[in-house]
N, C-alpha and C. Protein backbone atom coordinates (compact mmCIF):
# COMPACT_ATOMS: atom_id res chain seq x y z
N MET A 1 -20.90 4.93 4.12
CA MET A 1 -20.74 4.46 5.48
C MET A 1 -19.26 4.19 5.78
N ARG A 2 -18.56 3.59 4.81
CA ARG A 2 -17.15 3.28 5.00
C ARG A 2 -16.34 4.56 5.21
N GLY A 3 -16.66 5.59 4.42
CA GLY A 3 -15.97 6.87 4.57
C GLY A 3 -16.23 7.49 5.93
N LEU A 4 -17.45 7.35 6.42
CA LEU A 4 -17.82 7.89 7.72
C LEU A 4 -17.02 7.21 8.83
N LEU A 5 -16.93 5.89 8.76
CA LEU A 5 -16.14 5.15 9.76
C LEU A 5 -14.67 5.49 9.66
N PHE A 6 -14.17 5.64 8.43
CA PHE A 6 -12.77 5.99 8.20
C PHE A 6 -12.46 7.34 8.85
N LEU A 7 -13.32 8.32 8.61
CA LEU A 7 -13.10 9.65 9.16
C LEU A 7 -13.22 9.66 10.68
N LEU A 8 -14.21 8.97 11.21
CA LEU A 8 -14.37 8.88 12.66
C LEU A 8 -13.14 8.25 13.30
N ASN A 9 -12.66 7.19 12.70
CA ASN A 9 -11.47 6.52 13.20
C ASN A 9 -10.26 7.45 13.17
N ALA A 10 -10.11 8.20 12.08
CA ALA A 10 -8.99 9.12 11.96
C ALA A 10 -9.05 10.20 13.03
N LEU A 11 -10.23 10.74 13.28
CA LEU A 11 -10.36 11.78 14.30
C LEU A 11 -10.09 11.26 15.70
N LEU A 12 -10.58 10.06 16.00
CA LEU A 12 -10.33 9.47 17.31
C LEU A 12 -8.85 9.17 17.50
N LEU A 13 -8.21 8.68 16.46
CA LEU A 13 -6.79 8.39 16.55
C LEU A 13 -5.98 9.67 16.70
N LEU A 14 -6.40 10.73 16.03
CA LEU A 14 -5.71 12.00 16.14
C LEU A 14 -5.77 12.51 17.58
N GLU A 15 -6.90 12.35 18.23
CA GLU A 15 -7.05 12.77 19.62
C GLU A 15 -6.20 11.93 20.57
N SER A 16 -6.00 10.65 20.23
CA SER A 16 -5.27 9.76 21.14
C SER A 16 -3.76 9.84 20.97
N THR A 17 -3.28 10.62 20.02
CA THR A 17 -1.85 10.74 19.80
C THR A 17 -1.22 11.47 20.98
N LYS A 18 -0.22 10.87 21.59
CA LYS A 18 0.40 11.45 22.78
C LYS A 18 1.39 12.56 22.43
N GLY A 19 2.14 12.41 21.39
CA GLY A 19 3.13 13.40 21.02
C GLY A 19 3.54 13.20 19.58
N LEU A 20 4.21 14.19 19.05
CA LEU A 20 4.61 14.12 17.66
C LEU A 20 5.89 13.31 17.54
N MET A 21 5.93 12.44 16.55
CA MET A 21 7.13 11.67 16.25
C MET A 21 7.86 12.34 15.11
N GLU A 22 9.16 12.35 15.19
CA GLU A 22 9.96 12.86 14.10
C GLU A 22 10.08 11.80 13.02
N TYR A 23 10.16 12.23 11.78
CA TYR A 23 10.28 11.30 10.65
C TYR A 23 11.51 10.41 10.81
N ASP A 24 12.61 10.98 11.26
CA ASP A 24 13.86 10.21 11.41
C ASP A 24 13.78 9.17 12.52
N GLU A 25 12.83 9.28 13.43
CA GLU A 25 12.68 8.31 14.53
C GLU A 25 11.87 7.09 14.12
N LEU A 26 11.24 7.12 12.95
CA LEU A 26 10.39 6.01 12.51
C LEU A 26 11.24 4.82 12.10
N ASN A 27 10.69 3.61 12.31
CA ASN A 27 11.38 2.42 11.80
C ASN A 27 11.17 2.35 10.29
N ASP A 28 11.90 1.45 9.63
CA ASP A 28 11.85 1.36 8.16
C ASP A 28 10.45 1.05 7.64
N HIS A 29 9.73 0.17 8.33
CA HIS A 29 8.37 -0.20 7.90
C HIS A 29 7.45 1.01 7.92
N ASP A 30 7.43 1.72 9.06
CA ASP A 30 6.56 2.90 9.19
C ASP A 30 6.99 4.02 8.24
N ARG A 31 8.31 4.18 8.04
CA ARG A 31 8.80 5.21 7.12
C ARG A 31 8.31 4.94 5.69
N GLY A 32 8.27 3.67 5.29
CA GLY A 32 7.75 3.32 3.97
C GLY A 32 6.28 3.68 3.83
N ILE A 33 5.51 3.43 4.89
CA ILE A 33 4.08 3.79 4.89
C ILE A 33 3.92 5.31 4.81
N VAL A 34 4.72 6.04 5.58
CA VAL A 34 4.65 7.50 5.57
C VAL A 34 5.02 8.04 4.19
N ASP A 35 6.04 7.47 3.56
CA ASP A 35 6.44 7.91 2.22
C ASP A 35 5.31 7.71 1.21
N ARG A 36 4.63 6.57 1.28
CA ARG A 36 3.49 6.32 0.38
C ARG A 36 2.35 7.30 0.66
N ALA A 37 2.12 7.59 1.96
CA ALA A 37 1.06 8.54 2.33
C ALA A 37 1.39 9.95 1.82
N ILE A 38 2.64 10.37 1.94
CA ILE A 38 3.05 11.69 1.44
C ILE A 38 2.83 11.78 -0.06
N GLU A 39 3.24 10.74 -0.77
CA GLU A 39 3.08 10.73 -2.22
C GLU A 39 1.60 10.78 -2.63
N ARG A 40 0.80 9.96 -1.98
CA ARG A 40 -0.63 9.90 -2.34
C ARG A 40 -1.37 11.18 -1.97
N ALA A 41 -1.12 11.71 -0.76
CA ALA A 41 -1.81 12.92 -0.32
C ALA A 41 -1.44 14.12 -1.19
N ASN A 42 -0.17 14.23 -1.56
CA ASN A 42 0.24 15.35 -2.42
C ASN A 42 -0.34 15.22 -3.82
N LYS A 43 -0.48 13.99 -4.30
CA LYS A 43 -1.09 13.77 -5.61
C LYS A 43 -2.56 14.19 -5.59
N ASP A 44 -3.27 13.86 -4.51
CA ASP A 44 -4.70 14.13 -4.42
C ASP A 44 -5.04 15.54 -3.93
N PHE A 45 -4.26 16.07 -2.97
CA PHE A 45 -4.63 17.32 -2.31
C PHE A 45 -3.56 18.40 -2.32
N GLY A 46 -2.34 18.10 -2.71
CA GLY A 46 -1.25 19.07 -2.66
C GLY A 46 -1.18 19.94 -3.90
N LYS A 47 -2.18 20.77 -4.11
CA LYS A 47 -2.24 21.59 -5.32
C LYS A 47 -1.14 22.65 -5.36
N THR A 48 -1.01 23.45 -4.31
CA THR A 48 -0.02 24.53 -4.31
C THR A 48 1.05 24.34 -3.25
N LYS A 49 0.68 23.86 -2.08
CA LYS A 49 1.63 23.68 -0.99
C LYS A 49 1.89 22.20 -0.73
N HIS A 50 3.11 21.90 -0.33
CA HIS A 50 3.53 20.53 -0.05
C HIS A 50 2.88 20.04 1.25
N LEU A 51 2.32 18.84 1.22
CA LEU A 51 1.79 18.19 2.42
C LEU A 51 2.87 17.26 2.94
N ASP A 52 3.19 17.38 4.22
CA ASP A 52 4.27 16.58 4.78
C ASP A 52 3.84 15.90 6.07
N PHE A 53 4.62 14.91 6.47
CA PHE A 53 4.37 14.09 7.65
C PHE A 53 4.28 14.96 8.89
N TYR A 54 3.19 14.79 9.65
CA TYR A 54 3.00 15.51 10.90
C TYR A 54 3.07 14.55 12.09
N THR A 55 2.30 13.47 12.04
CA THR A 55 2.33 12.48 13.11
C THR A 55 1.80 11.15 12.59
N ILE A 56 2.02 10.11 13.38
CA ILE A 56 1.59 8.76 13.01
C ILE A 56 1.02 8.08 14.25
N VAL A 57 -0.02 7.27 14.04
CA VAL A 57 -0.62 6.50 15.12
C VAL A 57 -0.64 5.04 14.67
N ASN A 58 0.02 4.17 15.42
CA ASN A 58 0.05 2.74 15.11
C ASN A 58 -0.98 2.01 15.94
N ARG A 59 -1.71 1.13 15.30
CA ARG A 59 -2.63 0.22 15.97
C ARG A 59 -2.28 -1.19 15.54
N VAL A 60 -2.98 -2.19 16.04
CA VAL A 60 -2.65 -3.58 15.77
C VAL A 60 -2.53 -3.86 14.27
N ASN A 61 -3.54 -3.57 13.50
CA ASN A 61 -3.54 -3.87 12.07
C ASN A 61 -3.62 -2.62 11.21
N MET A 62 -3.34 -1.45 11.78
CA MET A 62 -3.59 -0.21 11.06
C MET A 62 -2.57 0.84 11.44
N VAL A 63 -2.18 1.65 10.46
CA VAL A 63 -1.30 2.79 10.68
C VAL A 63 -2.00 4.02 10.10
N ASN A 64 -2.20 5.05 10.93
CA ASN A 64 -2.84 6.28 10.50
C ASN A 64 -1.78 7.38 10.43
N VAL A 65 -1.60 7.96 9.25
CA VAL A 65 -0.61 9.01 9.02
C VAL A 65 -1.36 10.33 8.84
N ILE A 66 -1.00 11.33 9.64
CA ILE A 66 -1.59 12.67 9.52
C ILE A 66 -0.56 13.56 8.84
N LEU A 67 -0.99 14.25 7.79
CA LEU A 67 -0.12 15.16 7.05
C LEU A 67 -0.70 16.56 7.13
N LYS A 68 0.19 17.57 7.15
CA LYS A 68 -0.24 18.97 7.22
C LYS A 68 0.39 19.76 6.08
N SER A 69 -0.25 20.85 5.75
CA SER A 69 0.26 21.77 4.74
C SER A 69 1.51 22.47 5.28
N THR A 70 2.48 22.72 4.39
CA THR A 70 3.73 23.35 4.80
C THR A 70 3.97 24.64 4.02
N SER A 71 5.07 25.31 4.36
CA SER A 71 5.45 26.54 3.69
C SER A 71 6.08 26.28 2.32
N CYS A 72 6.47 25.05 2.03
CA CYS A 72 7.12 24.72 0.77
C CYS A 72 6.09 24.57 -0.35
N ASP A 73 6.51 24.95 -1.55
CA ASP A 73 5.65 24.76 -2.72
C ASP A 73 5.61 23.30 -3.10
N SER A 74 4.49 22.89 -3.68
CA SER A 74 4.32 21.52 -4.12
C SER A 74 5.14 21.29 -5.38
N LYS A 75 5.90 20.19 -5.40
CA LYS A 75 6.67 19.83 -6.58
C LYS A 75 6.89 18.33 -6.59
N THR A 76 7.32 17.82 -7.71
CA THR A 76 7.56 16.38 -7.85
C THR A 76 9.05 16.14 -7.69
N PRO A 77 9.49 15.09 -7.05
CA PRO A 77 8.70 14.07 -6.38
C PRO A 77 8.24 14.54 -5.00
N SER A 78 7.18 13.95 -4.54
CA SER A 78 6.64 14.27 -3.22
C SER A 78 7.32 13.40 -2.19
N VAL A 79 8.27 13.97 -1.49
CA VAL A 79 9.01 13.25 -0.45
C VAL A 79 9.03 14.10 0.81
N HIS A 80 9.44 13.49 1.93
CA HIS A 80 9.53 14.23 3.19
C HIS A 80 10.59 15.32 3.08
N ARG A 81 10.23 16.52 3.54
CA ARG A 81 11.16 17.65 3.55
C ARG A 81 11.17 18.24 4.95
N ASN A 82 12.24 17.96 5.70
CA ASN A 82 12.28 18.39 7.10
C ASN A 82 12.54 19.89 7.26
N TYR A 83 12.88 20.59 6.21
CA TYR A 83 13.15 22.03 6.30
C TYR A 83 11.89 22.88 6.11
N CYS A 84 10.77 22.27 5.76
CA CYS A 84 9.52 23.01 5.56
C CYS A 84 8.83 23.27 6.90
N LYS A 85 8.28 24.44 7.06
CA LYS A 85 7.54 24.80 8.28
C LYS A 85 6.07 24.47 8.08
N PHE A 86 5.43 23.96 9.15
CA PHE A 86 4.01 23.60 9.07
C PHE A 86 3.14 24.84 9.16
N HIS A 87 2.03 24.82 8.40
CA HIS A 87 0.98 25.83 8.50
C HIS A 87 -0.12 25.26 9.38
N GLU A 88 -0.76 26.09 10.17
CA GLU A 88 -1.85 25.62 11.02
C GLU A 88 -3.18 25.57 10.28
N LYS A 89 -3.23 26.17 9.11
CA LYS A 89 -4.48 26.16 8.36
C LYS A 89 -4.58 24.89 7.51
N ALA A 90 -5.77 24.68 6.96
CA ALA A 90 -6.05 23.49 6.14
C ALA A 90 -5.18 23.53 4.88
N PRO A 91 -4.97 22.41 4.23
CA PRO A 91 -5.59 21.12 4.54
C PRO A 91 -4.76 20.29 5.50
N GLN A 92 -5.45 19.50 6.28
CA GLN A 92 -4.84 18.42 7.04
C GLN A 92 -5.43 17.14 6.48
N VAL A 93 -4.57 16.17 6.22
CA VAL A 93 -4.99 14.97 5.52
C VAL A 93 -4.67 13.75 6.38
N SER A 94 -5.58 12.79 6.38
CA SER A 94 -5.39 11.52 7.09
C SER A 94 -5.33 10.40 6.06
N CYS A 95 -4.25 9.60 6.13
CA CYS A 95 -4.10 8.44 5.25
C CYS A 95 -3.95 7.21 6.14
N ILE A 96 -4.73 6.17 5.87
CA ILE A 96 -4.70 4.96 6.68
C ILE A 96 -4.20 3.79 5.86
N ASP A 97 -3.24 3.07 6.41
CA ASP A 97 -2.70 1.86 5.81
C ASP A 97 -3.21 0.68 6.62
N CYS A 98 -3.97 -0.20 5.97
CA CYS A 98 -4.51 -1.39 6.63
C CYS A 98 -3.80 -2.61 6.09
N GLN A 99 -2.96 -3.20 6.89
CA GLN A 99 -2.24 -4.42 6.54
C GLN A 99 -1.57 -4.31 5.17
N GLY A 100 -0.89 -3.20 4.91
CA GLY A 100 -0.14 -3.03 3.67
C GLY A 100 -0.93 -2.42 2.53
N SER A 101 -2.21 -2.17 2.71
CA SER A 101 -3.04 -1.59 1.66
C SER A 101 -3.40 -0.16 2.05
N MET A 102 -2.97 0.82 1.24
CA MET A 102 -3.25 2.23 1.54
C MET A 102 -4.67 2.58 1.12
N GLU A 103 -5.48 2.98 2.10
CA GLU A 103 -6.85 3.42 1.84
C GLU A 103 -6.79 4.83 1.25
N PRO A 104 -7.85 5.29 0.58
CA PRO A 104 -7.86 6.66 0.06
C PRO A 104 -7.71 7.68 1.20
N CYS A 105 -6.89 8.69 0.97
CA CYS A 105 -6.67 9.73 1.97
C CYS A 105 -7.88 10.66 2.00
N LEU A 106 -8.18 11.21 3.18
CA LEU A 106 -9.31 12.12 3.35
C LEU A 106 -8.86 13.42 4.02
N LEU A 107 -9.50 14.51 3.64
CA LEU A 107 -9.26 15.79 4.31
C LEU A 107 -9.92 15.77 5.67
N LEU A 108 -9.22 16.19 6.70
CA LEU A 108 -9.80 16.22 8.04
C LEU A 108 -10.81 17.35 8.19
N ARG A 109 -10.72 18.37 7.38
CA ARG A 109 -11.68 19.47 7.48
C ARG A 109 -13.06 19.09 6.99
N GLN A 110 -13.20 17.92 6.37
CA GLN A 110 -14.49 17.47 5.88
C GLN A 110 -15.33 16.82 6.97
N LYS A 111 -14.87 16.82 8.20
CA LYS A 111 -15.59 16.12 9.26
C LYS A 111 -17.00 16.65 9.45
N ASP A 112 -17.19 17.97 9.32
CA ASP A 112 -18.54 18.52 9.49
C ASP A 112 -19.46 18.12 8.34
N GLU A 113 -18.91 17.99 7.15
CA GLU A 113 -19.72 17.61 6.00
C GLU A 113 -20.07 16.13 6.02
N LYS A 114 -19.12 15.29 6.43
CA LYS A 114 -19.31 13.85 6.34
C LYS A 114 -19.76 13.20 7.64
N CYS A 115 -19.55 13.87 8.76
CA CYS A 115 -19.77 13.19 10.03
C CYS A 115 -20.49 14.08 11.04
N PRO A 116 -21.68 14.60 10.72
CA PRO A 116 -22.35 15.48 11.67
C PRO A 116 -22.85 14.75 12.91
N LEU A 117 -23.13 13.46 12.82
CA LEU A 117 -23.66 12.71 13.95
C LEU A 117 -22.73 11.57 14.34
N SER A 118 -21.42 11.82 14.31
CA SER A 118 -20.45 10.75 14.56
C SER A 118 -20.59 10.15 15.94
N GLN A 119 -21.08 10.91 16.92
CA GLN A 119 -21.23 10.36 18.26
C GLN A 119 -22.37 9.36 18.34
N ASP A 120 -23.24 9.34 17.33
CA ASP A 120 -24.37 8.42 17.33
C ASP A 120 -24.09 7.10 16.62
N VAL A 121 -22.85 6.90 16.16
CA VAL A 121 -22.52 5.67 15.45
C VAL A 121 -22.52 4.51 16.43
N HIS A 122 -23.21 3.42 16.05
CA HIS A 122 -23.29 2.24 16.89
C HIS A 122 -22.52 1.11 16.23
N PHE A 123 -21.67 0.43 16.98
CA PHE A 123 -20.91 -0.69 16.46
C PHE A 123 -21.62 -1.97 16.88
N THR A 124 -22.25 -2.63 15.92
CA THR A 124 -23.06 -3.81 16.17
C THR A 124 -22.25 -4.90 16.86
N GLY A 125 -22.79 -5.46 17.93
CA GLY A 125 -22.15 -6.56 18.64
C GLY A 125 -21.06 -6.14 19.60
N GLY A 126 -20.77 -4.87 19.70
CA GLY A 126 -19.68 -4.42 20.55
C GLY A 126 -19.94 -4.56 22.03
N GLY A 127 -21.21 -4.61 22.44
CA GLY A 127 -21.52 -4.62 23.86
C GLY A 127 -21.73 -5.99 24.46
N HIS A 128 -21.93 -7.00 23.67
CA HIS A 128 -22.23 -8.33 24.18
C HIS A 128 -20.95 -9.14 24.32
N SER A 129 -20.79 -9.82 25.46
CA SER A 129 -19.56 -10.56 25.72
C SER A 129 -19.34 -11.71 24.74
N LEU A 130 -20.39 -12.22 24.16
CA LEU A 130 -20.26 -13.29 23.18
C LEU A 130 -19.43 -12.85 21.98
N PHE A 131 -19.49 -11.57 21.66
CA PHE A 131 -18.80 -11.06 20.49
C PHE A 131 -17.42 -10.49 20.81
N GLN A 132 -16.98 -10.56 22.04
CA GLN A 132 -15.70 -9.98 22.43
C GLN A 132 -14.51 -10.90 22.24
N LYS A 133 -14.72 -12.20 22.20
CA LYS A 133 -13.62 -13.16 22.05
C LYS A 133 -13.85 -14.02 20.83
N SER A 134 -12.76 -14.39 20.17
CA SER A 134 -12.89 -15.32 19.06
C SER A 134 -12.87 -16.74 19.61
N GLY A 135 -13.10 -17.71 18.76
CA GLY A 135 -13.20 -19.10 19.20
C GLY A 135 -11.92 -19.66 19.79
N ASN A 136 -10.76 -19.14 19.39
CA ASN A 136 -9.50 -19.67 19.90
C ASN A 136 -9.01 -18.93 21.14
N GLY A 137 -9.83 -18.10 21.75
CA GLY A 137 -9.48 -17.42 22.99
C GLY A 137 -8.76 -16.10 22.81
N HIS A 138 -8.42 -15.74 21.58
CA HIS A 138 -7.74 -14.48 21.33
C HIS A 138 -8.76 -13.36 21.19
N GLN A 139 -8.32 -12.15 21.47
CA GLN A 139 -9.20 -10.99 21.32
C GLN A 139 -9.59 -10.84 19.85
N GLN A 140 -10.85 -10.55 19.61
CA GLN A 140 -11.34 -10.38 18.26
C GLN A 140 -10.68 -9.17 17.63
N GLN A 141 -10.30 -9.28 16.34
CA GLN A 141 -9.66 -8.17 15.66
C GLN A 141 -10.69 -7.10 15.33
N THR A 142 -10.29 -5.86 15.56
CA THR A 142 -11.14 -4.73 15.21
C THR A 142 -10.28 -3.72 14.49
N GLY A 143 -10.90 -2.75 13.88
CA GLY A 143 -10.16 -1.72 13.17
C GLY A 143 -11.01 -1.19 12.03
N CYS A 144 -10.37 -0.55 11.06
CA CYS A 144 -11.14 -0.06 9.92
C CYS A 144 -11.61 -1.24 9.10
N LEU A 145 -12.61 -1.01 8.26
CA LEU A 145 -13.25 -2.10 7.53
C LEU A 145 -12.28 -2.89 6.68
N GLY A 146 -11.27 -2.25 6.14
CA GLY A 146 -10.32 -2.96 5.30
C GLY A 146 -9.33 -3.80 6.08
N CYS A 147 -9.31 -3.68 7.40
CA CYS A 147 -8.31 -4.38 8.21
C CYS A 147 -8.83 -5.66 8.83
N ILE A 148 -10.11 -5.89 8.82
CA ILE A 148 -10.67 -7.05 9.52
C ILE A 148 -10.66 -8.25 8.62
């Protein structure tokens, strides 16, 4: 279930991205998260081609990093390489950082295998006004399971 929510969240965030950010435009905090995501994704999925930073989506307690396969061969260390050209074919990888903790990265092409009925997911308590505010008047925190 956690993987299903993770993947659904990644796909929704990917759709909501307005434009691509350049790696050099990132602040130091986000750049550190992207560097960890590049290292982890290449360790798990970068068998022959280097996976590099494509875009990032920031939320209140969560950062979603999307990485794409490039024309460069995979080698150690896995760092950002701005001279590599992106391939449009798989793999595309989503890595989510929740409050400083990097969740396991997932392949975006697995959406059909893991999430055939993603539109039917119901978020318990989301519709009732009682569950929309916390006791101190602030908006209730939402996000991936590791962020709440």
